[in-house]
Amino acid sequence: MRRVGVGMAGWLVVGIGVILMPLPGPGTVLVLGGLSLLQHEYPWAGRVLRRLRARTGVLGRWIKTRPTSGPPD
């Protein structure tokens, strides 16, 4: 019963996150939250979540280190 409940909640959160992706809102956060729920029951969800976390870390470092170009003086 617990496994079914966790699975349904995880898929619901992932689905809502995917729907909210093109709209302004927390779509990405909801997808990551849904995957974190699903990882407790499904090993593949944990692998996907680890890959996404690694990618977001790389993206964050790239954003911090890229040169900022302001208006020309």
N, C-alpha and C. Protein backbone atom coordinates (compact mmCIF):
# COMPACT_ATOMS: atom_id res chain seq x y z
N MET A 1 0.82 -1.18 0.00
CA MET A 1 0.00 0.00 0.00
C MET A 1 0.88 1.26 0.00
N ARG A 2 1.94 1.23 0.81
CA ARG A 2 2.84 2.37 0.88
C ARG A 2 3.53 2.61 -0.46
N ARG A 3 3.96 1.54 -1.10
CA ARG A 3 4.65 1.67 -2.37
C ARG A 3 3.75 2.29 -3.44
N VAL A 4 2.51 1.89 -3.45
CA VAL A 4 1.56 2.45 -4.42
C VAL A 4 1.33 3.94 -4.13
N GLY A 5 1.20 4.29 -2.86
CA GLY A 5 0.99 5.69 -2.49
C GLY A 5 2.17 6.57 -2.85
N VAL A 6 3.37 6.09 -2.54
CA VAL A 6 4.58 6.86 -2.86
C VAL A 6 4.73 6.99 -4.38
N GLY A 7 4.46 5.91 -5.10
CA GLY A 7 4.55 5.96 -6.56
C GLY A 7 3.56 6.93 -7.17
N MET A 8 2.32 6.89 -6.69
CA MET A 8 1.31 7.80 -7.22
C MET A 8 1.65 9.25 -6.91
N ALA A 9 2.09 9.52 -5.69
CA ALA A 9 2.46 10.88 -5.31
C ALA A 9 3.64 11.37 -6.15
N GLY A 10 4.65 10.51 -6.32
CA GLY A 10 5.82 10.89 -7.11
C GLY A 10 5.46 11.20 -8.55
N TRP A 11 4.65 10.34 -9.17
CA TRP A 11 4.26 10.57 -10.56
C TRP A 11 3.39 11.81 -10.69
N LEU A 12 2.54 12.05 -9.70
CA LEU A 12 1.71 13.25 -9.74
C LEU A 12 2.56 14.51 -9.69
N VAL A 13 3.55 14.53 -8.80
CA VAL A 13 4.42 15.70 -8.68
C VAL A 13 5.26 15.88 -9.94
N VAL A 14 5.77 14.79 -10.50
CA VAL A 14 6.55 14.88 -11.75
C VAL A 14 5.66 15.41 -12.87
N GLY A 15 4.45 14.89 -12.98
CA GLY A 15 3.52 15.34 -14.03
C GLY A 15 3.20 16.81 -13.93
N ILE A 16 2.91 17.28 -12.73
CA ILE A 16 2.62 18.70 -12.54
C ILE A 16 3.86 19.53 -12.90
N GLY A 17 5.04 19.05 -12.51
CA GLY A 17 6.28 19.76 -12.84
C GLY A 17 6.51 19.86 -14.33
N VAL A 18 6.23 18.78 -15.06
CA VAL A 18 6.40 18.80 -16.52
C VAL A 18 5.42 19.78 -17.16
N ILE A 19 4.20 19.82 -16.65
CA ILE A 19 3.21 20.76 -17.18
C ILE A 19 3.65 22.19 -16.93
N LEU A 20 4.25 22.46 -15.77
CA LEU A 20 4.66 23.82 -15.42
C LEU A 20 5.99 24.25 -16.03
N MET A 21 6.70 23.35 -16.69
CA MET A 21 8.00 23.70 -17.27
C MET A 21 7.94 24.92 -18.19
N PRO A 22 7.04 24.99 -19.16
CA PRO A 22 7.05 26.17 -20.05
C PRO A 22 6.46 27.42 -19.41
N LEU A 23 5.77 27.27 -18.30
CA LEU A 23 5.16 28.41 -17.63
C LEU A 23 6.09 28.94 -16.56
N PRO A 24 5.93 30.20 -16.19
CA PRO A 24 6.74 30.70 -15.07
C PRO A 24 6.28 30.02 -13.79
N GLY A 25 7.18 29.37 -13.15
CA GLY A 25 6.83 28.66 -11.94
C GLY A 25 7.88 27.62 -11.60
N PRO A 26 7.64 26.85 -10.59
CA PRO A 26 8.65 25.91 -10.10
C PRO A 26 8.61 24.55 -10.79
N GLY A 27 8.53 24.51 -12.10
CA GLY A 27 8.44 23.23 -12.81
C GLY A 27 9.62 22.32 -12.55
N THR A 28 10.83 22.84 -12.67
CA THR A 28 12.03 22.03 -12.47
C THR A 28 12.13 21.53 -11.04
N VAL A 29 11.79 22.37 -10.10
CA VAL A 29 11.84 21.97 -8.69
C VAL A 29 10.85 20.85 -8.43
N LEU A 30 9.68 20.93 -9.02
CA LEU A 30 8.68 19.88 -8.82
C LEU A 30 9.12 18.57 -9.45
N VAL A 31 9.73 18.62 -10.62
CA VAL A 31 10.22 17.39 -11.25
C VAL A 31 11.28 16.75 -10.37
N LEU A 32 12.21 17.54 -9.87
CA LEU A 32 13.25 16.99 -8.98
C LEU A 32 12.63 16.44 -7.70
N GLY A 33 11.62 17.12 -7.16
CA GLY A 33 10.94 16.63 -5.97
C GLY A 33 10.22 15.33 -6.22
N GLY A 34 9.56 15.22 -7.35
CA GLY A 34 8.87 13.98 -7.70
C GLY A 34 9.84 12.83 -7.89
N LEU A 35 10.98 13.11 -8.52
CA LEU A 35 11.99 12.06 -8.68
C LEU A 35 12.58 11.64 -7.34
N SER A 36 12.70 12.59 -6.43
CA SER A 36 13.23 12.22 -5.12
C SER A 36 12.23 11.33 -4.37
N LEU A 37 10.95 11.52 -4.60
CA LEU A 37 9.96 10.60 -4.03
C LEU A 37 10.04 9.23 -4.69
N LEU A 38 10.16 9.23 -6.01
CA LEU A 38 10.18 7.96 -6.74
C LEU A 38 11.44 7.14 -6.49
N GLN A 39 12.55 7.80 -6.13
CA GLN A 39 13.80 7.07 -5.94
C GLN A 39 13.72 6.09 -4.77
N HIS A 40 12.78 6.30 -3.85
CA HIS A 40 12.64 5.39 -2.72
C HIS A 40 12.07 4.04 -3.14
N GLU A 41 11.38 4.02 -4.27
CA GLU A 41 10.75 2.79 -4.73
C GLU A 41 11.34 2.25 -6.03
N TYR A 42 11.93 3.14 -6.84
CA TYR A 42 12.43 2.74 -8.14
C TYR A 42 13.90 3.13 -8.29
N PRO A 43 14.81 2.17 -8.48
CA PRO A 43 16.24 2.50 -8.61
C PRO A 43 16.55 3.41 -9.80
N TRP A 44 15.81 3.28 -10.90
CA TRP A 44 16.09 4.11 -12.06
C TRP A 44 15.86 5.59 -11.75
N ALA A 45 14.91 5.89 -10.90
CA ALA A 45 14.64 7.29 -10.57
C ALA A 45 15.83 7.90 -9.82
N GLY A 46 16.48 7.11 -8.98
CA GLY A 46 17.66 7.59 -8.28
C GLY A 46 18.80 7.89 -9.24
N ARG A 47 18.96 7.03 -10.24
CA ARG A 47 20.02 7.26 -11.23
C ARG A 47 19.74 8.53 -12.04
N VAL A 48 18.50 8.72 -12.46
CA VAL A 48 18.13 9.92 -13.21
C VAL A 48 18.35 11.16 -12.36
N LEU A 49 17.95 11.09 -11.09
CA LEU A 49 18.10 12.23 -10.19
C LEU A 49 19.57 12.58 -9.98
N ARG A 50 20.42 11.59 -9.84
CA ARG A 50 21.86 11.87 -9.68
C ARG A 50 22.42 12.54 -10.93
N ARG A 51 22.01 12.07 -12.11
CA ARG A 51 22.49 12.69 -13.35
C ARG A 51 22.02 14.13 -13.47
N LEU A 52 20.75 14.37 -13.13
CA LEU A 52 20.23 15.74 -13.21
C LEU A 52 20.92 16.65 -12.21
N ARG A 53 21.18 16.16 -11.02
CA ARG A 53 21.89 16.98 -10.03
C ARG A 53 23.29 17.31 -10.51
N ALA A 54 23.95 16.35 -11.14
CA ALA A 54 25.30 16.60 -11.66
C ALA A 54 25.23 17.65 -12.78
N ARG A 55 24.24 17.54 -13.65
CA ARG A 55 24.09 18.50 -14.74
C ARG A 55 23.80 19.90 -14.22
N THR A 56 22.91 20.01 -13.22
CA THR A 56 22.58 21.33 -12.70
C THR A 56 23.77 21.95 -12.00
N GLY A 57 24.62 21.12 -11.40
CA GLY A 57 25.85 21.64 -10.78
C GLY A 57 26.79 22.21 -11.82
N VAL A 58 26.94 21.51 -12.94
CA VAL A 58 27.78 21.99 -14.03
C VAL A 58 27.21 23.28 -14.59
N LEU A 59 25.91 23.34 -14.78
CA LEU A 59 25.28 24.53 -15.31
C LEU A 59 25.45 25.71 -14.36
N GLY A 60 25.29 25.47 -13.07
CA GLY A 60 25.46 26.54 -12.09
C GLY A 60 26.88 27.09 -12.08
N ARG A 61 27.88 26.20 -12.16
CA ARG A 61 29.27 26.65 -12.21
C ARG A 61 29.53 27.44 -13.49
N TRP A 62 28.94 27.01 -14.60
CA TRP A 62 29.14 27.72 -15.86
C TRP A 62 28.54 29.12 -15.78
N ILE A 63 27.37 29.25 -15.21
CA ILE A 63 26.73 30.55 -15.09
C ILE A 63 27.57 31.47 -14.20
N LYS A 64 28.12 30.94 -13.12
CA LYS A 64 28.92 31.78 -12.21
C LYS A 64 30.22 32.23 -12.85
N THR A 65 30.81 31.42 -13.71
CA THR A 65 32.14 31.74 -14.23
C THR A 65 32.10 32.43 -15.60
N ARG A 66 30.95 32.52 -16.24
CA ARG A 66 30.95 33.14 -17.56
C ARG A 66 31.11 34.65 -17.41
N PRO A 67 31.80 35.24 -18.34
CA PRO A 67 32.04 36.69 -18.24
C PRO A 67 30.74 37.45 -18.46
N THR A 68 30.58 38.48 -17.69
CA THR A 68 29.40 39.33 -17.85
C THR A 68 29.73 40.46 -18.80
N SER A 69 28.85 40.68 -19.71
CA SER A 69 29.09 41.78 -20.66
C SER A 69 28.05 42.85 -20.40
N GLY A 70 28.52 43.96 -19.95
CA GLY A 70 27.65 45.09 -19.69
C GLY A 70 27.52 45.95 -20.92
N PRO A 71 26.83 47.05 -20.78
CA PRO A 71 26.72 47.95 -21.92
C PRO A 71 28.07 48.57 -22.24
N PRO A 72 28.35 48.82 -23.51
CA PRO A 72 29.64 49.42 -23.89
C PRO A 72 29.77 50.82 -23.32
N ASP A 73 30.99 51.14 -22.91
CA ASP A 73 31.25 52.47 -22.34
C ASP A 73 31.52 53.49 -23.39
